[in-house]
């Protein structure tokens, strides 16, 4: 049997990690951080766990990220792109129909928040872990939420709501409620399943339309 075949699994991953560098190492590290940070929490997961999951050595991590904080920010940037990918995918199902776009997002969010291993909003989770509002991670969360609210406001305005700001704020509050309910009541709970219908009622009342369904 060759030496490589004789290695234990953890040793084999470290051996592979010694030869993994550059963009490939960064990809492995971000994938590992995504899995661990989202499931277990940013503060609960150390760099050793990320390195082990990624199958690279610690030197590879520090070549790509100067600190754990930098890795956390890269994780948030990745989650931000993923999140707005979900948002725009929902909206794209009804081009040119802003009221239906808003409704579709709630329909899709309820489905996503009903998956067994759903851990809520990664940005909410991070904000709870970093109480200092000036911390870069918290500032990133603020920017993510501001961007979402701006997107909602653009659609509530286009949908002809009599008070676009109030409708956007109400829908934003409901979105945060879905995130919280998924962790307190559990994925797929009654409050989550009720959210699309309540969103339809809010949208219809604000836009002078008949609720869908």
N, C-alpha and C. Protein backbone atom coordinates (compact mmCIF):
# COMPACT_ATOMS: atom_id res chain seq x y z
N UNK A 1 0.86 -1.19 0.00
CA UNK A 1 0.00 0.00 0.00
C UNK A 1 0.89 1.24 0.00
N UNK A 2 0.56 2.26 -0.80
CA UNK A 2 1.39 3.47 -0.87
C UNK A 2 1.19 4.29 0.38
N UNK A 3 2.11 5.27 0.60
CA UNK A 3 2.02 6.12 1.78
C UNK A 3 0.73 6.92 1.77
N UNK A 4 0.30 7.45 0.58
CA UNK A 4 -0.89 8.28 0.53
C UNK A 4 -2.12 7.50 0.91
N UNK A 5 -2.17 6.21 0.54
CA UNK A 5 -3.33 5.39 0.87
C UNK A 5 -3.34 5.02 2.35
N UNK A 6 -2.18 5.09 2.99
CA UNK A 6 -2.09 4.72 4.39
C UNK A 6 -2.50 5.85 5.32
N UNK A 7 -2.63 7.08 4.77
CA UNK A 7 -2.99 8.21 5.60
C UNK A 7 -4.41 8.10 6.12
N UNK A 8 -4.61 8.56 7.34
CA UNK A 8 -5.95 8.66 7.88
C UNK A 8 -6.69 9.78 7.16
N UNK A 9 -8.04 9.77 7.18
CA UNK A 9 -8.81 10.79 6.45
C UNK A 9 -8.38 12.22 6.74
N UNK A 10 -8.23 12.58 8.03
CA UNK A 10 -7.85 13.95 8.37
C UNK A 10 -6.46 14.27 7.85
N UNK A 11 -5.56 13.31 7.95
CA UNK A 11 -4.19 13.52 7.46
C UNK A 11 -4.18 13.67 5.95
N UNK A 12 -5.03 12.88 5.28
CA UNK A 12 -5.10 12.96 3.82
C UNK A 12 -5.60 14.33 3.39
N UNK A 13 -6.60 14.89 4.13
CA UNK A 13 -7.10 16.21 3.78
C UNK A 13 -6.02 17.27 3.96
N UNK A 14 -5.24 17.14 5.05
CA UNK A 14 -4.16 18.11 5.26
C UNK A 14 -3.08 17.98 4.18
N UNK A 15 -2.82 16.75 3.77
CA UNK A 15 -1.82 16.55 2.72
C UNK A 15 -2.28 17.18 1.41
N UNK A 16 -3.58 17.03 1.10
CA UNK A 16 -4.11 17.67 -0.09
C UNK A 16 -4.06 19.18 0.06
N UNK A 17 -4.34 19.64 1.30
CA UNK A 17 -4.35 21.07 1.54
C UNK A 17 -3.00 21.71 1.31
N UNK A 18 -1.94 20.98 1.57
CA UNK A 18 -0.60 21.52 1.37
C UNK A 18 -0.36 21.86 -0.08
N UNK A 19 -1.10 21.20 -1.00
CA UNK A 19 -0.91 21.43 -2.42
C UNK A 19 -2.01 22.32 -3.00
N UNK A 20 -2.95 22.78 -2.15
CA UNK A 20 -4.05 23.61 -2.62
C UNK A 20 -3.74 25.06 -2.34
N UNK A 21 -3.76 25.87 -3.36
CA UNK A 21 -3.40 27.26 -3.17
C UNK A 21 -4.23 28.15 -4.09
N UNK A 22 -4.15 29.47 -3.84
CA UNK A 22 -4.79 30.43 -4.71
C UNK A 22 -6.29 30.33 -4.72
N UNK A 23 -6.89 30.60 -5.89
CA UNK A 23 -8.35 30.62 -6.01
C UNK A 23 -9.03 29.33 -5.55
N UNK A 24 -8.37 28.19 -5.79
CA UNK A 24 -8.97 26.93 -5.37
C UNK A 24 -9.07 26.83 -3.85
N UNK A 25 -8.02 27.24 -3.16
CA UNK A 25 -8.04 27.22 -1.70
C UNK A 25 -9.09 28.19 -1.18
N UNK A 26 -9.18 29.36 -1.78
CA UNK A 26 -10.17 30.35 -1.36
C UNK A 26 -11.59 29.80 -1.53
N UNK A 27 -11.82 29.12 -2.64
CA UNK A 27 -13.15 28.53 -2.89
C UNK A 27 -13.49 27.49 -1.83
N UNK A 28 -12.52 26.62 -1.51
CA UNK A 28 -12.74 25.59 -0.49
C UNK A 28 -13.02 26.23 0.87
N UNK A 29 -12.26 27.26 1.21
CA UNK A 29 -12.42 27.92 2.50
C UNK A 29 -13.77 28.62 2.63
N UNK A 30 -14.18 29.29 1.56
CA UNK A 30 -15.47 29.98 1.60
C UNK A 30 -16.63 28.99 1.67
N UNK A 31 -16.48 27.87 0.99
CA UNK A 31 -17.54 26.84 1.06
C UNK A 31 -17.64 26.29 2.47
N UNK A 32 -16.48 26.03 3.08
CA UNK A 32 -16.47 25.51 4.44
C UNK A 32 -17.02 26.54 5.43
N UNK A 33 -16.62 27.80 5.27
CA UNK A 33 -17.11 28.85 6.14
C UNK A 33 -18.62 29.00 6.00
N UNK A 34 -19.11 28.93 4.79
CA UNK A 34 -20.55 29.04 4.53
C UNK A 34 -21.31 27.96 5.31
N UNK A 35 -20.84 26.73 5.20
CA UNK A 35 -21.53 25.62 5.86
C UNK A 35 -21.47 25.76 7.39
N UNK A 36 -20.29 26.04 7.91
CA UNK A 36 -20.10 26.05 9.36
C UNK A 36 -20.67 27.31 10.03
N UNK A 37 -20.40 28.47 9.46
CA UNK A 37 -20.88 29.71 10.06
C UNK A 37 -22.41 29.75 10.07
N UNK A 38 -23.02 29.31 8.97
CA UNK A 38 -24.48 29.38 8.89
C UNK A 38 -25.13 28.39 9.85
N UNK A 39 -24.58 27.20 9.94
CA UNK A 39 -25.19 26.16 10.77
C UNK A 39 -24.90 26.34 12.26
N UNK A 40 -23.65 26.72 12.58
CA UNK A 40 -23.22 26.71 13.98
C UNK A 40 -22.99 28.10 14.58
N UNK A 41 -22.87 29.10 13.73
CA UNK A 41 -22.62 30.45 14.23
C UNK A 41 -21.17 30.88 14.01
N UNK A 42 -20.98 32.15 13.74
CA UNK A 42 -19.65 32.66 13.44
C UNK A 42 -18.71 32.55 14.63
N UNK A 43 -19.17 32.97 15.80
CA UNK A 43 -18.29 32.97 16.97
C UNK A 43 -17.99 31.56 17.47
N UNK A 44 -18.91 30.63 17.24
CA UNK A 44 -18.72 29.26 17.73
C UNK A 44 -17.72 28.47 16.90
N UNK A 45 -17.44 28.94 15.69
CA UNK A 45 -16.57 28.19 14.77
C UNK A 45 -15.20 28.85 14.69
N UNK A 46 -14.17 28.10 15.01
CA UNK A 46 -12.81 28.62 14.93
C UNK A 46 -12.19 28.36 13.56
N UNK A 47 -11.07 29.01 13.31
CA UNK A 47 -10.41 28.83 12.01
C UNK A 47 -9.93 27.40 11.82
N UNK A 48 -9.60 26.70 12.91
CA UNK A 48 -9.16 25.31 12.78
C UNK A 48 -10.27 24.44 12.18
N UNK A 49 -11.51 24.70 12.61
CA UNK A 49 -12.63 23.93 12.08
C UNK A 49 -12.85 24.23 10.61
N UNK A 50 -12.70 25.49 10.23
CA UNK A 50 -12.87 25.87 8.82
C UNK A 50 -11.80 25.22 7.96
N UNK A 51 -10.56 25.26 8.45
CA UNK A 51 -9.44 24.64 7.72
C UNK A 51 -9.67 23.15 7.56
N UNK A 52 -10.09 22.51 8.64
CA UNK A 52 -10.33 21.06 8.59
C UNK A 52 -11.42 20.73 7.58
N UNK A 53 -12.52 21.48 7.61
CA UNK A 53 -13.61 21.21 6.68
C UNK A 53 -13.20 21.50 5.23
N UNK A 54 -12.40 22.53 5.05
CA UNK A 54 -11.98 22.91 3.70
C UNK A 54 -10.96 21.95 3.11
N UNK A 55 -10.25 21.23 3.98
CA UNK A 55 -9.22 20.33 3.48
C UNK A 55 -7.97 21.05 3.04
N UNK A 56 -7.68 22.19 3.67
CA UNK A 56 -6.45 22.92 3.37
C UNK A 56 -5.69 23.13 4.68
N UNK A 57 -4.48 23.64 4.59
CA UNK A 57 -3.75 23.90 5.83
C UNK A 57 -3.97 25.35 6.27
N UNK A 58 -3.59 25.63 7.51
CA UNK A 58 -3.85 26.96 8.07
C UNK A 58 -3.09 28.05 7.32
N UNK A 59 -1.93 27.71 6.81
CA UNK A 59 -1.16 28.69 6.07
C UNK A 59 -1.93 29.14 4.82
N UNK A 60 -2.64 28.18 4.20
CA UNK A 60 -3.44 28.53 3.02
C UNK A 60 -4.53 29.52 3.39
N UNK A 61 -5.12 29.35 4.57
CA UNK A 61 -6.17 30.28 5.00
C UNK A 61 -5.60 31.68 5.14
N UNK A 62 -4.46 31.80 5.81
CA UNK A 62 -3.91 33.13 6.06
C UNK A 62 -3.27 33.74 4.82
N UNK A 63 -3.05 32.94 3.79
CA UNK A 63 -2.63 33.51 2.52
C UNK A 63 -3.81 34.20 1.84
N UNK A 64 -5.00 33.66 2.06
CA UNK A 64 -6.20 34.19 1.42
C UNK A 64 -6.90 35.26 2.25
N UNK A 65 -6.86 35.09 3.58
CA UNK A 65 -7.56 36.01 4.49
C UNK A 65 -6.61 36.35 5.63
N UNK A 66 -6.45 37.63 5.90
CA UNK A 66 -5.47 38.04 6.91
C UNK A 66 -5.92 37.71 8.33
N UNK A 67 -7.22 37.47 8.51
CA UNK A 67 -7.74 37.18 9.84
C UNK A 67 -9.10 36.50 9.71
N UNK A 68 -9.60 36.02 10.84
CA UNK A 68 -10.94 35.43 10.83
C UNK A 68 -11.97 36.49 10.48
N UNK A 69 -11.78 37.71 10.96
CA UNK A 69 -12.71 38.79 10.63
C UNK A 69 -12.82 38.99 9.13
N UNK A 70 -11.70 38.91 8.44
CA UNK A 70 -11.72 39.08 6.98
C UNK A 70 -12.46 37.91 6.32
N UNK A 71 -12.30 36.73 6.86
CA UNK A 71 -13.04 35.57 6.35
C UNK A 71 -14.54 35.75 6.58
N UNK A 72 -14.90 36.28 7.74
CA UNK A 72 -16.32 36.54 8.05
C UNK A 72 -16.90 37.54 7.05
N UNK A 73 -16.15 38.58 6.72
CA UNK A 73 -16.64 39.57 5.77
C UNK A 73 -16.80 38.96 4.37
N UNK A 74 -15.88 38.09 4.00
CA UNK A 74 -16.00 37.41 2.70
C UNK A 74 -17.22 36.50 2.69
N UNK A 75 -17.48 35.85 3.82
CA UNK A 75 -18.66 35.00 3.96
C UNK A 75 -19.93 35.84 3.79
N UNK A 76 -19.97 37.02 4.42
CA UNK A 76 -21.14 37.88 4.31
C UNK A 76 -21.34 38.38 2.89
N UNK A 77 -20.26 38.71 2.22
CA UNK A 77 -20.36 39.15 0.82
C UNK A 77 -20.94 38.05 -0.05
N UNK A 78 -20.52 36.82 0.21
CA UNK A 78 -21.03 35.68 -0.55
C UNK A 78 -22.52 35.48 -0.26
N UNK A 79 -22.90 35.59 1.01
CA UNK A 79 -24.30 35.44 1.39
C UNK A 79 -25.15 36.56 0.81
N UNK A 80 -24.60 37.76 0.72
CA UNK A 80 -25.32 38.89 0.16
C UNK A 80 -25.66 38.63 -1.31
N UNK A 81 -24.70 38.14 -2.06
CA UNK A 81 -24.94 37.82 -3.47
C UNK A 81 -25.99 36.72 -3.60
N UNK A 82 -25.89 35.71 -2.74
CA UNK A 82 -26.84 34.61 -2.76
C UNK A 82 -28.25 35.12 -2.43
N UNK A 83 -28.35 35.96 -1.40
CA UNK A 83 -29.64 36.46 -0.98
C UNK A 83 -30.33 37.26 -2.09
N UNK A 84 -29.61 38.20 -2.67
CA UNK A 84 -30.24 39.01 -3.71
C UNK A 84 -30.45 38.21 -5.00
N UNK A 85 -29.73 37.11 -5.13
CA UNK A 85 -30.04 36.18 -6.22
C UNK A 85 -31.42 35.58 -6.03
N UNK A 86 -31.73 35.18 -4.77
CA UNK A 86 -33.07 34.67 -4.45
C UNK A 86 -34.14 35.74 -4.73
N UNK A 87 -33.86 36.96 -4.29
CA UNK A 87 -34.82 38.05 -4.43
C UNK A 87 -35.14 38.29 -5.91
N UNK A 88 -34.09 38.47 -6.69
CA UNK A 88 -34.31 38.81 -8.10
C UNK A 88 -34.88 37.63 -8.89
N UNK A 89 -34.58 36.42 -8.48
CA UNK A 89 -35.17 35.25 -9.13
C UNK A 89 -36.68 35.23 -8.93
N UNK A 90 -37.12 35.58 -7.73
CA UNK A 90 -38.56 35.67 -7.47
C UNK A 90 -39.20 36.77 -8.31
N UNK A 91 -38.60 37.94 -8.29
CA UNK A 91 -39.17 39.07 -9.03
C UNK A 91 -39.22 38.79 -10.53
N UNK A 92 -38.25 38.06 -11.03
CA UNK A 92 -38.17 37.81 -12.47
C UNK A 92 -39.31 36.93 -12.98
N UNK A 93 -40.04 36.30 -12.09
CA UNK A 93 -41.16 35.44 -12.51
C UNK A 93 -42.35 36.25 -13.02
N UNK A 94 -42.38 37.54 -12.67
CA UNK A 94 -43.50 38.40 -13.10
C UNK A 94 -42.97 39.74 -13.59
N UNK A 95 -42.22 39.74 -14.69
CA UNK A 95 -41.64 41.00 -15.18
C UNK A 95 -42.71 42.04 -15.47
N UNK A 96 -42.45 43.26 -15.00
CA UNK A 96 -43.37 44.36 -15.27
C UNK A 96 -44.63 44.36 -14.44
N UNK A 97 -44.74 43.45 -13.45
CA UNK A 97 -45.92 43.38 -12.60
C UNK A 97 -45.48 43.46 -11.13
N UNK A 98 -45.21 44.67 -10.65
CA UNK A 98 -44.60 44.83 -9.32
C UNK A 98 -45.40 44.22 -8.17
N UNK A 99 -46.72 44.31 -8.19
CA UNK A 99 -47.52 43.73 -7.10
C UNK A 99 -47.34 42.21 -7.06
N UNK A 100 -47.34 41.58 -8.22
CA UNK A 100 -47.14 40.14 -8.29
C UNK A 100 -45.71 39.76 -7.92
N UNK A 101 -44.76 40.62 -8.23
CA UNK A 101 -43.37 40.36 -7.86
C UNK A 101 -43.22 40.31 -6.34
N UNK A 102 -43.85 41.27 -5.68
CA UNK A 102 -43.80 41.30 -4.21
C UNK A 102 -44.45 40.04 -3.63
N UNK A 103 -45.59 39.67 -4.18
CA UNK A 103 -46.29 38.48 -3.69
C UNK A 103 -45.46 37.22 -3.91
N UNK A 104 -44.83 37.13 -5.08
CA UNK A 104 -44.04 35.95 -5.41
C UNK A 104 -42.88 35.77 -4.44
N UNK A 105 -42.31 36.89 -4.00
CA UNK A 105 -41.19 36.76 -3.07
C UNK A 105 -41.64 36.10 -1.78
N UNK A 106 -42.81 36.47 -1.29
CA UNK A 106 -43.31 35.85 -0.06
C UNK A 106 -43.66 34.38 -0.28
N UNK A 107 -44.20 34.06 -1.44
CA UNK A 107 -44.48 32.65 -1.75
C UNK A 107 -43.19 31.83 -1.71
N UNK A 108 -42.16 32.38 -2.33
CA UNK A 108 -40.89 31.65 -2.39
C UNK A 108 -40.18 31.61 -1.04
N UNK A 109 -40.29 32.70 -0.27
CA UNK A 109 -39.66 32.74 1.05
C UNK A 109 -40.29 31.70 1.97
N UNK A 110 -41.61 31.55 1.90
CA UNK A 110 -42.28 30.57 2.75
C UNK A 110 -41.81 29.15 2.43
N UNK A 111 -41.57 28.89 1.16
CA UNK A 111 -41.06 27.57 0.77
C UNK A 111 -39.65 27.37 1.31
N UNK A 112 -38.80 28.39 1.12
CA UNK A 112 -37.41 28.28 1.57
C UNK A 112 -37.33 28.15 3.09
N UNK A 113 -38.20 28.87 3.80
CA UNK A 113 -38.17 28.85 5.27
C UNK A 113 -38.86 27.60 5.84
N UNK A 114 -39.30 26.72 4.98
CA UNK A 114 -39.92 25.48 5.44
C UNK A 114 -39.00 24.27 5.28
N UNK A 115 -37.80 24.50 4.78
CA UNK A 115 -36.83 23.42 4.65
C UNK A 115 -36.33 23.04 6.04
N UNK A 116 -36.16 21.75 6.28
CA UNK A 116 -35.84 21.26 7.62
C UNK A 116 -34.60 21.90 8.24
N UNK A 117 -33.54 22.09 7.44
CA UNK A 117 -32.30 22.60 8.02
C UNK A 117 -32.15 24.12 7.84
N UNK A 118 -33.26 24.79 7.57
CA UNK A 118 -33.21 26.25 7.41
C UNK A 118 -32.83 26.89 8.74
N UNK A 119 -31.85 27.79 8.69
CA UNK A 119 -31.34 28.44 9.92
C UNK A 119 -31.65 29.93 9.95
N UNK A 120 -32.66 30.33 9.19
CA UNK A 120 -33.04 31.73 9.19
C UNK A 120 -32.14 32.59 8.33
N UNK A 121 -32.20 33.88 8.58
CA UNK A 121 -31.41 34.85 7.81
C UNK A 121 -29.98 34.91 8.35
N UNK A 122 -28.98 34.68 7.51
CA UNK A 122 -27.60 34.72 8.01
C UNK A 122 -27.21 36.09 8.53
N UNK A 123 -27.83 37.14 8.01
CA UNK A 123 -27.50 38.50 8.45
C UNK A 123 -28.10 38.79 9.83
N UNK A 124 -29.30 38.31 10.06
CA UNK A 124 -29.88 38.42 11.40
C UNK A 124 -29.02 37.65 12.40
N UNK A 125 -28.62 36.45 12.02
CA UNK A 125 -27.80 35.62 12.90
C UNK A 125 -26.50 36.34 13.28
N UNK A 126 -25.86 36.93 12.30
CA UNK A 126 -24.59 37.63 12.55
C UNK A 126 -24.82 38.86 13.42
N UNK A 127 -25.91 39.58 13.18
CA UNK A 127 -26.16 40.79 13.97
C UNK A 127 -26.34 40.45 15.44
N UNK A 128 -26.92 39.28 15.73
CA UNK A 128 -27.09 38.85 17.12
C UNK A 128 -25.74 38.53 17.75
N UNK A 129 -24.83 38.00 16.96
CA UNK A 129 -23.52 37.59 17.48
C UNK A 129 -22.58 38.76 17.71
N UNK A 130 -22.83 39.88 17.04
CA UNK A 130 -21.95 41.05 17.17
C UNK A 130 -22.76 42.23 17.71
N UNK A 131 -22.82 42.39 19.02
CA UNK A 131 -23.64 43.46 19.62
C UNK A 131 -23.16 44.87 19.33
N UNK A 132 -21.88 45.03 19.02
CA UNK A 132 -21.33 46.35 18.73
C UNK A 132 -21.80 46.81 17.35
N UNK A 133 -22.65 47.84 17.33
CA UNK A 133 -23.22 48.30 16.06
C UNK A 133 -22.19 48.89 15.11
N UNK A 134 -20.98 49.19 15.63
CA UNK A 134 -19.94 49.76 14.76
C UNK A 134 -19.05 48.68 14.15
N UNK A 135 -19.24 47.43 14.56
CA UNK A 135 -18.42 46.35 14.02
C UNK A 135 -18.68 46.21 12.51
N UNK A 136 -17.64 45.97 11.70
CA UNK A 136 -17.82 45.85 10.25
C UNK A 136 -18.89 44.84 9.84
N UNK A 137 -19.02 43.75 10.59
CA UNK A 137 -20.03 42.75 10.26
C UNK A 137 -21.43 43.33 10.45
N UNK A 138 -21.64 44.06 11.55
CA UNK A 138 -22.94 44.69 11.79
C UNK A 138 -23.23 45.76 10.73
N UNK A 139 -22.21 46.49 10.35
CA UNK A 139 -22.40 47.51 9.32
C UNK A 139 -22.78 46.87 7.99
N UNK A 140 -22.21 45.70 7.72
CA UNK A 140 -22.56 44.99 6.50
C UNK A 140 -24.03 44.59 6.54
N UNK A 141 -24.49 44.11 7.69
CA UNK A 141 -25.90 43.73 7.85
C UNK A 141 -26.81 44.92 7.59
N UNK A 142 -26.46 46.08 8.16
CA UNK A 142 -27.26 47.29 7.93
C UNK A 142 -27.38 47.58 6.43
N UNK A 143 -26.27 47.48 5.72
CA UNK A 143 -26.29 47.78 4.29
C UNK A 143 -27.15 46.77 3.52
N UNK A 144 -27.07 45.51 3.92
CA UNK A 144 -27.89 44.48 3.27
C UNK A 144 -29.37 44.78 3.45
N UNK A 145 -29.76 45.13 4.68
CA UNK A 145 -31.17 45.40 4.96
C UNK A 145 -31.63 46.70 4.29
N UNK A 146 -30.77 47.69 4.24
CA UNK A 146 -31.11 48.94 3.56
C UNK A 146 -31.35 48.70 2.07
N UNK A 147 -30.52 47.87 1.50
CA UNK A 147 -30.67 47.56 0.07
C UNK A 147 -31.98 46.82 -0.19
N UNK A 148 -32.34 45.89 0.70
CA UNK A 148 -33.60 45.18 0.55
C UNK A 148 -34.77 46.15 0.66
N UNK A 149 -34.74 47.03 1.66
CA UNK A 149 -35.84 47.98 1.82
C UNK A 149 -35.95 48.91 0.61
N UNK A 150 -34.82 49.32 0.05
CA UNK A 150 -34.86 50.17 -1.14
C UNK A 150 -35.49 49.44 -2.31
N UNK A 151 -35.20 48.14 -2.40
CA UNK A 151 -35.78 47.34 -3.50
C UNK A 151 -37.28 47.17 -3.30
N UNK A 152 -37.70 46.95 -2.06
CA UNK A 152 -39.13 46.83 -1.78
C UNK A 152 -39.85 48.15 -2.07
N UNK A 153 -39.24 49.25 -1.66
CA UNK A 153 -39.86 50.56 -1.88
C UNK A 153 -40.01 50.86 -3.37
N UNK A 154 -39.04 50.47 -4.14
CA UNK A 154 -39.13 50.69 -5.58
C UNK A 154 -40.33 49.95 -6.16
N UNK A 155 -40.57 48.73 -5.68
CA UNK A 155 -41.69 47.95 -6.19
C UNK A 155 -43.03 48.43 -5.65
N UNK A 156 -43.08 48.82 -4.37
CA UNK A 156 -44.36 49.31 -3.84
C UNK A 156 -44.76 50.61 -4.52
N UNK A 157 -43.77 51.41 -4.89
CA UNK A 157 -44.05 52.65 -5.62
C UNK A 157 -44.57 52.32 -7.02
N UNK A 158 -43.88 51.39 -7.69
CA UNK A 158 -44.29 51.00 -9.05
C UNK A 158 -45.66 50.33 -9.06
N UNK A 159 -46.01 49.68 -7.95
CA UNK A 159 -47.30 48.98 -7.87
C UNK A 159 -48.46 49.95 -7.61
N UNK A 160 -48.15 51.22 -7.37
CA UNK A 160 -49.19 52.22 -7.17
C UNK A 160 -49.76 52.25 -5.77
N UNK A 161 -48.99 51.83 -4.78
CA UNK A 161 -49.48 51.85 -3.40
C UNK A 161 -49.79 53.28 -2.98
N UNK A 162 -50.86 53.43 -2.21
CA UNK A 162 -51.23 54.78 -1.77
C UNK A 162 -50.19 55.35 -0.80
N UNK A 163 -49.50 54.47 -0.08
CA UNK A 163 -48.40 54.89 0.81
C UNK A 163 -47.27 53.87 0.64
N UNK A 164 -46.44 54.05 -0.38
CA UNK A 164 -45.40 53.07 -0.69
C UNK A 164 -44.43 52.79 0.46
N UNK A 165 -44.11 53.83 1.22
CA UNK A 165 -43.15 53.66 2.32
C UNK A 165 -43.73 52.75 3.39
N UNK A 166 -44.98 52.99 3.77
CA UNK A 166 -45.61 52.17 4.80
C UNK A 166 -45.76 50.73 4.34
N UNK A 167 -46.14 50.53 3.08
CA UNK A 167 -46.27 49.16 2.57
C UNK A 167 -44.91 48.47 2.57
N UNK A 168 -43.88 49.15 2.10
CA UNK A 168 -42.54 48.55 2.07
C UNK A 168 -42.09 48.20 3.48
N UNK A 169 -42.33 49.09 4.44
CA UNK A 169 -41.94 48.82 5.82
C UNK A 169 -42.72 47.64 6.39
N UNK A 170 -44.01 47.56 6.08
CA UNK A 170 -44.82 46.44 6.56
C UNK A 170 -44.35 45.12 6.00
N UNK A 171 -44.03 45.10 4.71
CA UNK A 171 -43.54 43.87 4.09
C UNK A 171 -42.16 43.51 4.64
N UNK A 172 -41.33 44.53 4.89
CA UNK A 172 -40.02 44.27 5.48
C UNK A 172 -40.13 43.65 6.86
N UNK A 173 -41.08 44.14 7.64
CA UNK A 173 -41.32 43.59 8.97
C UNK A 173 -41.78 42.14 8.88
N UNK A 174 -42.63 41.84 7.92
CA UNK A 174 -43.10 40.46 7.74
C UNK A 174 -41.97 39.53 7.34
N UNK A 175 -41.08 40.01 6.50
CA UNK A 175 -39.94 39.19 6.09
C UNK A 175 -39.09 38.83 7.31
N UNK A 176 -38.81 39.83 8.15
CA UNK A 176 -38.03 39.56 9.36
C UNK A 176 -38.78 38.61 10.28
N UNK A 177 -40.11 38.72 10.30
CA UNK A 177 -40.91 37.83 11.12
C UNK A 177 -40.82 36.38 10.66
N UNK A 178 -40.76 36.18 9.35
CA UNK A 178 -40.59 34.82 8.82
C UNK A 178 -39.26 34.24 9.27
N UNK A 179 -38.20 35.07 9.20
CA UNK A 179 -36.88 34.60 9.64
C UNK A 179 -36.92 34.18 11.11
N UNK A 180 -37.51 35.02 11.95
CA UNK A 180 -37.55 34.72 13.38
C UNK A 180 -38.41 33.50 13.66
N UNK A 181 -39.58 33.42 13.02
CA UNK A 181 -40.49 32.30 13.26
C UNK A 181 -39.87 30.97 12.87
N UNK A 182 -39.03 30.98 11.85
CA UNK A 182 -38.40 29.74 11.41
C UNK A 182 -37.51 29.14 12.49
N UNK A 183 -37.01 29.99 13.40
CA UNK A 183 -36.11 29.52 14.45
C UNK A 183 -36.82 29.34 15.79
N UNK A 184 -37.90 30.07 16.03
CA UNK A 184 -38.60 29.95 17.29
C UNK A 184 -39.73 28.93 17.23
N UNK A 185 -40.51 28.97 16.15
CA UNK A 185 -41.58 27.99 15.98
C UNK A 185 -41.11 26.78 15.18
N UNK A 186 -40.10 27.00 14.34
CA UNK A 186 -39.56 25.91 13.52
C UNK A 186 -39.89 26.10 12.05
N UNK A 187 -39.02 25.60 11.17
CA UNK A 187 -39.26 25.70 9.73
C UNK A 187 -40.62 25.12 9.34
N UNK A 188 -41.31 25.81 8.45
CA UNK A 188 -42.59 25.31 7.98
C UNK A 188 -43.73 25.48 8.95
N UNK A 189 -43.55 26.31 9.99
CA UNK A 189 -44.59 26.50 11.02
C UNK A 189 -45.78 27.29 10.48
N UNK A 190 -46.85 27.34 11.25
CA UNK A 190 -48.04 28.06 10.85
C UNK A 190 -47.82 29.52 10.52
N UNK A 191 -47.10 30.28 11.36
CA UNK A 191 -46.86 31.68 11.03
C UNK A 191 -46.15 31.87 9.69
N UNK A 192 -45.23 30.99 9.35
CA UNK A 192 -44.55 31.09 8.06
C UNK A 192 -45.52 30.84 6.92
N UNK A 193 -46.33 29.81 7.05
CA UNK A 193 -47.28 29.46 5.99
C UNK A 193 -48.37 30.52 5.84
N UNK A 194 -48.61 31.29 6.89
CA UNK A 194 -49.61 32.36 6.81
C UNK A 194 -49.07 33.62 6.14
N UNK A 195 -47.76 33.77 6.10
CA UNK A 195 -47.14 35.01 5.61
C UNK A 195 -47.55 35.38 4.18
N UNK A 196 -47.56 34.43 3.21
CA UNK A 196 -47.96 34.83 1.86
C UNK A 196 -49.37 35.40 1.78
N UNK A 197 -50.30 34.81 2.52
CA UNK A 197 -51.68 35.31 2.50
C UNK A 197 -51.77 36.69 3.13
N UNK A 198 -51.07 36.90 4.23
CA UNK A 198 -51.07 38.21 4.88
C UNK A 198 -50.42 39.25 3.98
N UNK A 199 -49.35 38.87 3.29
CA UNK A 199 -48.69 39.79 2.36
C UNK A 199 -49.65 40.18 1.25
N UNK A 200 -50.41 39.21 0.75
CA UNK A 200 -51.38 39.48 -0.32
C UNK A 200 -52.43 40.48 0.15
N UNK A 201 -52.87 40.34 1.39
CA UNK A 201 -53.87 41.26 1.93
C UNK A 201 -53.30 42.68 2.07
N UNK A 202 -52.07 42.78 2.55
CA UNK A 202 -51.43 44.09 2.68
C UNK A 202 -51.26 44.76 1.32
N UNK A 203 -50.77 43.99 0.36
CA UNK A 203 -50.52 44.53 -0.97
C UNK A 203 -51.83 44.97 -1.62
N UNK A 204 -52.86 44.15 -1.52
CA UNK A 204 -54.15 44.48 -2.12
C UNK A 204 -54.76 45.72 -1.48
N UNK A 205 -54.68 45.81 -0.15
CA UNK A 205 -55.25 46.97 0.55
C UNK A 205 -54.53 48.26 0.17
N UNK A 206 -53.23 48.17 0.02
CA UNK A 206 -52.44 49.36 -0.29
C UNK A 206 -52.56 49.78 -1.75
N UNK A 207 -52.80 48.79 -2.61
CA UNK A 207 -52.80 49.07 -4.05
C UNK A 207 -54.20 49.06 -4.66
N UNK A 208 -55.22 48.90 -3.81
CA UNK A 208 -56.58 48.93 -4.29
C UNK A 208 -56.94 47.79 -5.20
N UNK A 209 -56.37 46.59 -4.91
CA UNK A 209 -56.63 45.42 -5.73
C UNK A 209 -57.31 44.34 -4.90
N UNK A 210 -57.75 43.28 -5.56
CA UNK A 210 -58.33 42.14 -4.87
C UNK A 210 -57.23 41.16 -4.52
N UNK A 211 -57.11 40.68 -3.27
CA UNK A 211 -56.04 39.76 -2.89
C UNK A 211 -56.02 38.52 -3.79
N UNK A 212 -54.81 38.07 -4.15
CA UNK A 212 -54.68 36.87 -4.97
C UNK A 212 -55.10 35.66 -4.17
N UNK A 213 -55.65 34.65 -4.85
CA UNK A 213 -56.01 33.41 -4.19
C UNK A 213 -57.34 33.51 -3.49
